[in-house]
PDB file of N, CA and C in Angstrom:
ATOM      1  N   MET A   1      54.952 107.721 113.549  1.00  0.00           N
ATOM      2  CA  MET A   1      53.722 106.962 113.622  1.00  0.00           C
ATOM      3  C   MET A   1      52.900 107.242 112.376  1.00  0.00           C
ATOM      4  N   SER A   2      52.273 106.211 111.875  1.00  0.00           N
ATOM      5  CA  SER A   2      51.417 106.382 110.707  1.00  0.00           C
ATOM      6  C   SER A   2      50.095 105.679 110.954  1.00  0.00           C
ATOM      7  N   ASP A   3      49.068 106.160 110.284  1.00  0.00           N
ATOM      8  CA  ASP A   3      47.748 105.577 110.455  1.00  0.00           C
ATOM      9  C   ASP A   3      47.537 104.437 109.488  1.00  0.00           C
ATOM     10  N   ASN A   4      46.925 103.394 109.966  1.00  0.00           N
ATOM     11  CA  ASN A   4      46.535 102.249 109.175  1.00  0.00           C
ATOM     12  C   ASN A   4      45.215 102.547 108.487  1.00  0.00           C
ATOM     13  N   THR A   5      44.813 101.747 107.519  1.00  0.00           N
ATOM     14  CA  THR A   5      43.525 101.954 106.870  1.00  0.00           C
ATOM     15  C   THR A   5      42.368 101.631 107.807  1.00  0.00           C
ATOM     16  N   ASP A   6      42.605 100.810 108.836  1.00  0.00           N
ATOM     17  CA  ASP A   6      41.535 100.474 109.775  1.00  0.00           C
ATOM     18  C   ASP A   6      41.453 101.449 110.943  1.00  0.00           C
ATOM     19  N   GLY A   7      42.229 102.517 110.903  1.00  0.00           N
ATOM     20  CA  GLY A   7      42.166 103.544 111.929  1.00  0.00           C
ATOM     21  C   GLY A   7      43.112 103.335 113.094  1.00  0.00           C
ATOM     22  N   LYS A   8      43.786 102.189 113.153  1.00  0.00           N
ATOM     23  CA  LYS A   8      44.739 101.941 114.229  1.00  0.00           C
ATOM     24  C   LYS A   8      46.109 102.464 113.821  1.00  0.00           C
ATOM     25  N   GLU A   9      46.858 102.899 114.813  1.00  0.00           N
ATOM     26  CA  GLU A   9      48.197 103.419 114.545  1.00  0.00           C
ATOM     27  C   GLU A   9      49.215 102.297 114.529  1.00  0.00           C
ATOM     28  N   ASN A  10      50.161 102.363 113.605  1.00  0.00           N
ATOM     29  CA  ASN A  10      51.318 101.478 113.621  1.00  0.00           C
ATOM     30  C   ASN A  10      52.405 102.210 114.388  1.00  0.00           C
ATOM     31  N   ILE A  11      52.783 101.673 115.537  1.00  0.00           N
ATOM     32  CA  ILE A  11      53.774 102.332 116.361  1.00  0.00           C
ATOM     33  C   ILE A  11      55.083 101.558 116.255  1.00  0.00           C
ATOM     34  N   VAL A  12      56.132 102.265 115.924  1.00  0.00           N
ATOM     35  CA  VAL A  12      57.454 101.669 115.856  1.00  0.00           C
ATOM     36  C   VAL A  12      58.236 102.136 117.072  1.00  0.00           C
ATOM     37  N   TYR A  13      58.706 101.186 117.855  1.00  0.00           N
ATOM     38  CA  TYR A  13      59.454 101.512 119.053  1.00  0.00           C
ATOM     39  C   TYR A  13      60.943 101.405 118.757  1.00  0.00           C
ATOM     40  N   THR A  14      61.665 102.432 119.107  1.00  0.00           N
ATOM     41  CA  THR A  14      63.120 102.388 119.027  1.00  0.00           C
ATOM     42  C   THR A  14      63.652 102.802 120.383  1.00  0.00           C
ATOM     43  N   LYS A  15      64.860 102.391 120.691  1.00  0.00           N
ATOM     44  CA  LYS A  15      65.426 102.682 122.011  1.00  0.00           C
ATOM     45  C   LYS A  15      65.508 104.181 122.275  1.00  0.00           C
ATOM     46  N   ASN A  16      65.783 104.970 121.243  1.00  0.00           N
ATOM     47  CA  ASN A  16      65.936 106.414 121.422  1.00  0.00           C
ATOM     48  C   ASN A  16      64.614 107.125 121.653  1.00  0.00           C
ATOM     49  N   THR A  17      63.512 106.572 121.163  1.00  0.00           N
ATOM     50  CA  THR A  17      62.229 107.256 121.276  1.00  0.00           C
ATOM     51  C   THR A  17      61.262 106.550 122.219  1.00  0.00           C
ATOM     52  N   LEU A  18      61.710 105.535 122.913  1.00  0.00           N
ATOM     53  CA  LEU A  18      60.842 104.743 123.768  1.00  0.00           C
ATOM     54  C   LEU A  18      60.420 105.531 124.999  1.00  0.00           C
ATOM     55  N   ASP A  19      59.132 105.672 125.187  1.00  0.00           N
ATOM     56  CA  ASP A  19      58.574 106.337 126.356  1.00  0.00           C
ATOM     57  C   ASP A  19      57.711 105.323 127.096  1.00  0.00           C
ATOM     58  N   PRO A  20      58.143 104.847 128.251  1.00  0.00           N
ATOM     59  CA  PRO A  20      57.376 103.827 128.963  1.00  0.00           C
ATOM     60  C   PRO A  20      55.917 104.213 129.205  1.00  0.00           C
ATOM     61  N   ALA A  21      55.635 105.489 129.359  1.00  0.00           N
ATOM     62  CA  ALA A  21      54.257 105.924 129.595  1.00  0.00           C
ATOM     63  C   ALA A  21      53.367 105.652 128.377  1.00  0.00           C
ATOM     64  N   LYS A  22      53.965 105.573 127.204  1.00  0.00           N
ATOM     65  CA  LYS A  22      53.189 105.354 125.986  1.00  0.00           C
ATOM     66  C   LYS A  22      53.118 103.888 125.567  1.00  0.00           C
ATOM     67  N   LEU A  23      53.806 103.031 126.292  1.00  0.00           N
ATOM     68  CA  LEU A  23      53.759 101.607 125.971  1.00  0.00           C
ATOM     69  C   LEU A  23      52.392 101.037 126.318  1.00  0.00           C
ATOM     70  N   PRO A  24      51.941 100.034 125.585  1.00  0.00           N
ATOM     71  CA  PRO A  24      50.671  99.396 125.938  1.00  0.00           C
ATOM     72  C   PRO A  24      50.804  98.620 127.244  1.00  0.00           C
ATOM     73  N   HIS A  25      49.674  98.371 127.894  1.00  0.00           N
ATOM     74  CA  HIS A  25      49.676  97.644 129.165  1.00  0.00           C
ATOM     75  C   HIS A  25      50.292  96.258 128.994  1.00  0.00           C
ATOM     76  N   TYR A  26      49.944  95.582 127.909  1.00  0.00           N
ATOM     77  CA  TYR A  26      50.544  94.294 127.573  1.00  0.00           C
ATOM     78  C   TYR A  26      51.409  94.479 126.343  1.00  0.00           C
ATOM     79  N   MET A  27      52.636  93.934 126.388  1.00  0.00           N
ATOM     80  CA  MET A  27      53.575  94.088 125.282  1.00  0.00           C
ATOM     81  C   MET A  27      53.913  92.733 124.695  1.00  0.00           C
ATOM     82  N   ASP A  28      54.373  92.753 123.435  1.00  0.00           N
ATOM     83  CA  ASP A  28      54.854  91.527 122.822  1.00  0.00           C
ATOM     84  C   ASP A  28      56.369  91.458 122.953  1.00  0.00           C
ATOM     85  N   ALA A  29      56.953  90.373 122.465  1.00  0.00           N
ATOM     86  CA  ALA A  29      58.398  90.155 122.624  1.00  0.00           C
ATOM     87  C   ALA A  29      59.226  91.225 121.919  1.00  0.00           C
ATOM     88  N   LYS A  30      58.757  91.721 120.791  1.00  0.00           N
ATOM     89  CA  LYS A  30      59.509  92.753 120.076  1.00  0.00           C
ATOM     90  C   LYS A  30      59.582  94.049 120.874  1.00  0.00           C
ATOM     91  N   GLN A  31      58.483  94.435 121.482  1.00  0.00           N
ATOM     92  CA  GLN A  31      58.456  95.659 122.283  1.00  0.00           C
ATOM     93  C   GLN A  31      59.343  95.529 123.513  1.00  0.00           C
ATOM     94  N   VAL A  32      59.294  94.375 124.172  1.00  0.00           N
ATOM     95  CA  VAL A  32      60.134  94.147 125.343  1.00  0.00           C
ATOM     96  C   VAL A  32      61.601  94.111 124.938  1.00  0.00           C
ATOM     97  N   ALA A  33      61.876  93.532 123.782  1.00  0.00           N
ATOM     98  CA  ALA A  33      63.258  93.464 123.297  1.00  0.00           C
ATOM     99  C   ALA A  33      63.854  94.853 123.129  1.00  0.00           C
ATOM    100  N   VAL A  34      63.082  95.781 122.586  1.00  0.00           N
ATOM    101  CA  VAL A  34      63.566  97.154 122.429  1.00  0.00           C
ATOM    102  C   VAL A  34      63.800  97.774 123.803  1.00  0.00           C
ATOM    103  N   LEU A  35      62.865  97.571 124.701  1.00  0.00           N
ATOM    104  CA  LEU A  35      62.971  98.144 126.042  1.00  0.00           C
ATOM    105  C   LEU A  35      64.204  97.645 126.788  1.00  0.00           C
ATOM    106  N   LEU A  36      64.516  96.353 126.623  1.00  0.00           N
ATOM    107  CA  LEU A  36      65.626  95.749 127.354  1.00  0.00           C
ATOM    108  C   LEU A  36      66.910  95.651 126.533  1.00  0.00           C
ATOM    109  N   ALA A  37      66.879  96.142 125.309  1.00  0.00           N
ATOM    110  CA  ALA A  37      68.039  96.083 124.403  1.00  0.00           C
ATOM    111  C   ALA A  37      68.496  94.640 124.188  1.00  0.00           C
ATOM    112  N   LEU A  38      67.526  93.782 123.884  1.00  0.00           N
ATOM    113  CA  LEU A  38      67.785  92.376 123.609  1.00  0.00           C
ATOM    114  C   LEU A  38      67.131  92.001 122.289  1.00  0.00           C
ATOM    115  N   ALA A  39      67.480  90.844 121.777  1.00  0.00           N
ATOM    116  CA  ALA A  39      66.805  90.316 120.590  1.00  0.00           C
ATOM    117  C   ALA A  39      65.459  89.729 121.014  1.00  0.00           C
ATOM    118  N   PRO A  40      64.433  89.817 120.156  1.00  0.00           N
ATOM    119  CA  PRO A  40      63.130  89.225 120.504  1.00  0.00           C
ATOM    120  C   PRO A  40      63.226  87.735 120.848  1.00  0.00           C
ATOM    121  N   GLN A  41      64.091  87.013 120.156  1.00  0.00           N
ATOM    122  CA  GLN A  41      64.259  85.589 120.437  1.00  0.00           C
ATOM    123  C   GLN A  41      64.809  85.376 121.852  1.00  0.00           C
ATOM    124  N   THR A  42      65.701  86.240 122.281  1.00  0.00           N
ATOM    125  CA  THR A  42      66.247  86.154 123.642  1.00  0.00           C
ATOM    126  C   THR A  42      65.153  86.413 124.673  1.00  0.00           C
ATOM    127  N   VAL A  43      64.305  87.383 124.390  1.00  0.00           N
ATOM    128  CA  VAL A  43      63.187  87.692 125.294  1.00  0.00           C
ATOM    129  C   VAL A  43      62.267  86.481 125.423  1.00  0.00           C
ATOM    130  N   ARG A  44      61.948  85.841 124.300  1.00  0.00           N
ATOM    131  CA  ARG A  44      61.082  84.657 124.345  1.00  0.00           C
ATOM    132  C   ARG A  44      61.742  83.511 125.127  1.00  0.00           C
ATOM    133  N   LYS A  45      63.040  83.316 124.936  1.00  0.00           N
ATOM    134  CA  LYS A  45      63.748  82.264 125.681  1.00  0.00           C
ATOM    135  C   LYS A  45      63.763  82.570 127.167  1.00  0.00           C
ATOM    136  N   MET A  46      63.995  83.833 127.518  1.00  0.00           N
ATOM    137  CA  MET A  46      63.993  84.218 128.933  1.00  0.00           C
ATOM    138  C   MET A  46      62.617  83.998 129.550  1.00  0.00           C
ATOM    139  N   ALA A  47      61.567  84.285 128.797  1.00  0.00           N
ATOM    140  CA  ALA A  47      60.208  84.059 129.290  1.00  0.00           C
ATOM    141  C   ALA A  47      59.964  82.566 129.499  1.00  0.00           C
ATOM    142  N   ALA A  48      60.402  81.760 128.549  1.00  0.00           N
ATOM    143  CA  ALA A  48      60.201  80.309 128.645  1.00  0.00           C
ATOM    144  C   ALA A  48      60.947  79.711 129.832  1.00  0.00           C
ATOM    145  N   HIS A  49      62.084  80.304 130.202  1.00  0.00           N
ATOM    146  CA  HIS A  49      62.873  79.805 131.333  1.00  0.00           C
ATOM    147  C   HIS A  49      62.519  80.487 132.653  1.00  0.00           C
ATOM    148  N   GLY A  50      61.511  81.373 132.630  1.00  0.00           N
ATOM    149  CA  GLY A  50      61.078  82.031 133.855  1.00  0.00           C
ATOM    150  C   GLY A  50      61.976  83.177 134.290  1.00  0.00           C
ATOM    151  N   GLU A  51      62.837  83.652 133.408  1.00  0.00           N
ATOM    152  CA  GLU A  51      63.742  84.743 133.746  1.00  0.00           C
ATOM    153  C   GLU A  51      63.091  86.116 133.573  1.00  0.00           C
ATOM    154  N   LEU A  52      61.981  86.165 132.869  1.00  0.00           N
ATOM    155  CA  LEU A  52      61.180  87.383 132.719  1.00  0.00           C
ATOM    156  C   LEU A  52      59.743  87.051 133.060  1.00  0.00           C
ATOM    157  N   PRO A  53      59.039  87.956 133.735  1.00  0.00           N
ATOM    158  CA  PRO A  53      57.616  87.708 134.001  1.00  0.00           C
ATOM    159  C   PRO A  53      56.835  87.781 132.693  1.00  0.00           C
ATOM    160  N   ALA A  54      56.135  86.708 132.360  1.00  0.00           N
ATOM    161  CA  ALA A  54      55.434  86.649 131.074  1.00  0.00           C
ATOM    162  C   ALA A  54      54.241  85.709 131.154  1.00  0.00           C
ATOM    163  N   TYR A  55      53.366  85.842 130.181  1.00  0.00           N
ATOM    164  CA  TYR A  55      52.161  85.029 130.088  1.00  0.00           C
ATOM    165  C   TYR A  55      52.109  84.413 128.701  1.00  0.00           C
ATOM    166  N   LYS A  56      51.982  83.102 128.660  1.00  0.00           N
ATOM    167  CA  LYS A  56      51.936  82.416 127.379  1.00  0.00           C
ATOM    168  C   LYS A  56      50.511  82.437 126.839  1.00  0.00           C
ATOM    169  N   VAL A  57      50.394  82.806 125.561  1.00  0.00           N
ATOM    170  CA  VAL A  57      49.102  82.862 124.888  1.00  0.00           C
ATOM    171  C   VAL A  57      49.189  81.888 123.717  1.00  0.00           C
ATOM    172  N   GLY A  58      48.474  80.792 123.798  1.00  0.00           N
ATOM    173  CA  GLY A  58      48.575  79.785 122.749  1.00  0.00           C
ATOM    174  C   GLY A  58      49.867  79.000 122.885  1.00  0.00           C
ATOM    175  N   LYS A  59      50.338  78.455 121.756  1.00  0.00           N
ATOM    176  CA  LYS A  59      51.531  77.620 121.798  1.00  0.00           C
ATOM    177  C   LYS A  59      52.829  78.411 121.712  1.00  0.00           C
ATOM    178  N   LYS A  60      52.823  79.553 121.033  1.00  0.00           N
ATOM    179  CA  LYS A  60      54.071  80.261 120.758  1.00  0.00           C
ATOM    180  C   LYS A  60      54.121  81.706 121.229  1.00  0.00           C
ATOM    181  N   LEU A  61      52.993  82.328 121.431  1.00  0.00           N
ATOM    182  CA  LEU A  61      52.980  83.754 121.750  1.00  0.00           C
ATOM    183  C   LEU A  61      53.177  84.014 123.238  1.00  0.00           C
ATOM    184  N   TRP A  62      53.933  85.058 123.520  1.00  0.00           N
ATOM    185  CA  TRP A  62      54.145  85.523 124.882  1.00  0.00           C
ATOM    186  C   TRP A  62      53.659  86.960 124.988  1.00  0.00           C
ATOM    187  N   ARG A  63      53.072  87.289 126.120  1.00  0.00           N
ATOM    188  CA  ARG A  63      52.686  88.660 126.416  1.00  0.00           C
ATOM    189  C   ARG A  63      53.310  89.031 127.754  1.00  0.00           C
ATOM    190  N   PHE A  64      53.679  90.307 127.852  1.00  0.00           N
ATOM    191  CA  PHE A  64      54.401  90.809 129.011  1.00  0.00           C
ATOM    192  C   PHE A  64      53.678  92.033 129.542  1.00  0.00           C
ATOM    193  N   ARG A  65      53.428  92.080 130.840  1.00  0.00           N
ATOM    194  CA  ARG A  65      52.825  93.265 131.445  1.00  0.00           C
ATOM    195  C   ARG A  65      53.885  94.341 131.575  1.00  0.00           C
ATOM    196  N   LYS A  66      53.537  95.516 131.116  1.00  0.00           N
ATOM    197  CA  LYS A  66      54.478  96.638 131.130  1.00  0.00           C
ATOM    198  C   LYS A  66      55.052  96.871 132.530  1.00  0.00           C
ATOM    199  N   ASN A  67      54.197  96.954 133.531  1.00  0.00           N
ATOM    200  CA  ASN A  67      54.671  97.262 134.883  1.00  0.00           C
ATOM    201  C   ASN A  67      55.593  96.189 135.431  1.00  0.00           C
ATOM    202  N   GLU A  68      55.319  94.926 135.120  1.00  0.00           N
ATOM    203  CA  GLU A  68      56.178  93.845 135.603  1.00  0.00           C
ATOM    204  C   GLU A  68      57.551  93.907 134.935  1.00  0.00           C
ATOM    205  N   ILE A  69      57.584  94.223 133.660  1.00  0.00           N
ATOM    206  CA  ILE A  69      58.855  94.325 132.952  1.00  0.00           C
ATOM    207  C   ILE A  69      59.652  95.521 133.468  1.00  0.00           C
ATOM    208  N   LEU A  70      58.988  96.656 133.643  1.00  0.00           N
ATOM    209  CA  LEU A  70      59.682  97.837 134.158  1.00  0.00           C
ATOM    210  C   LEU A  70      60.204  97.591 135.573  1.00  0.00           C
ATOM    211  N   ASP A  71      59.416  96.906 136.412  1.00  0.00           N
ATOM    212  CA  ASP A  71      59.860  96.589 137.765  1.00  0.00           C
ATOM    213  C   ASP A  71      61.049  95.632 137.740  1.00  0.00           C
ATOM    214  N   SER A  72      61.017  94.633 136.870  1.00  0.00           N
ATOM    215  CA  SER A  72      62.134  93.685 136.807  1.00  0.00           C
ATOM    216  C   SER A  72      63.384  94.367 136.257  1.00  0.00           C
ATOM    217  N   LYS A  73      63.194  95.330 135.363  1.00  0.00           N
ATOM    218  CA  LYS A  73      64.331  96.077 134.822  1.00  0.00           C
ATOM    219  C   LYS A  73      64.984  96.909 135.932  1.00  0.00           C
ATOM    220  N   ARG A  74      64.177  97.541 136.770  1.00  0.00           N
ATOM    221  CA  ARG A  74      64.708  98.331 137.888  1.00  0.00           C
ATOM    222  C   ARG A  74      65.434  97.427 138.892  1.00  0.00           C
ATOM    223  N   TRP A  75      64.844  96.255 139.160  1.00  0.00           N
ATOM    224  CA  TRP A  75      65.454  95.315 140.094  1.00  0.00           C
ATOM    225  C   TRP A  75      66.814  94.862 139.577  1.00  0.00           C
ATOM    226  N   GLU A  76      66.906  94.539 138.297  1.00  0.00           N
ATOM    227  CA  GLU A  76      68.176  94.117 137.705  1.00  0.00           C
ATOM    228  C   GLU A  76      69.216  95.233 137.789  1.00  0.00           C
ATOM    229  N   ALA A  77      68.800  96.469 137.543  1.00  0.00           N
ATOM    230  CA  ALA A  77      69.726  97.597 137.615  1.00  0.00           C
ATOM    231  C   ALA A  77      70.257  97.764 139.044  1.00  0.00           C
ATOM    232  N   GLN A  78      69.377  97.608 140.036  1.00  0.00           N
ATOM    233  CA  GLN A  78      69.801  97.724 141.432  1.00  0.00           C
ATOM    234  C   GLN A  78      70.743  96.589 141.797  1.00  0.00           C
ATOM    235  N   LYS A  79      70.422  95.388 141.329  1.00  0.00           N
ATOM    236  CA  LYS A  79      71.241  94.223 141.630  1.00  0.00           C
ATOM    237  C   LYS A  79      72.644  94.370 141.050  1.00  0.00           C
ATOM    238  N   ASN A  80      72.732  95.009 139.885  1.00  0.00           N
ATOM    239  CA  ASN A  80      74.020  95.199 139.218  1.00  0.00           C
ATOM    240  C   ASN A  80      74.706  96.491 139.625  1.00  0.00           C
ATOM    241  N   GLY A  81      74.127  97.225 140.590  1.00  0.00           N
ATOM    242  CA  GLY A  81      74.744  98.448 141.096  1.00  0.00           C
ATOM    243  C   GLY A  81      74.646  99.622 140.147  1.00  0.00           C
ATOM    244  N   GLN A  82      73.649  99.633 139.254  1.00  0.00           N
ATOM    245  CA  GLN A  82      73.494 100.716 138.284  1.00  0.00           C
ATOM    246  C   GLN A  82      72.476 101.753 138.731  1.00  0.00           C
ATOM    247  N   ALA A  83      71.725 101.479 139.757  1.00  0.00           N
ATOM    248  CA  ALA A  83      70.694 102.434 140.178  1.00  0.00           C
ATOM    249  C   ALA A  83      71.053 103.067 141.502  1.00  0.00           C
TER     250      ALA A  83
END
């Protein structure tokens, strides 16, 4: 993590260092993509088709609630017999 000139931190999420407790309440497609091991474009398509819980902001932006994504991830794991 590094500090920006405006005092905000630039956080880079990688699969190996991802801690759900440190994720923001609302995430963008890139953050969800890392969490789900998908491409950001796939995450946006899944949101557009209703396959992921998401909220559209403007014409192109999607936002995802952390708890809803984590819950859907757990549900998918149970459905696939991984949990």
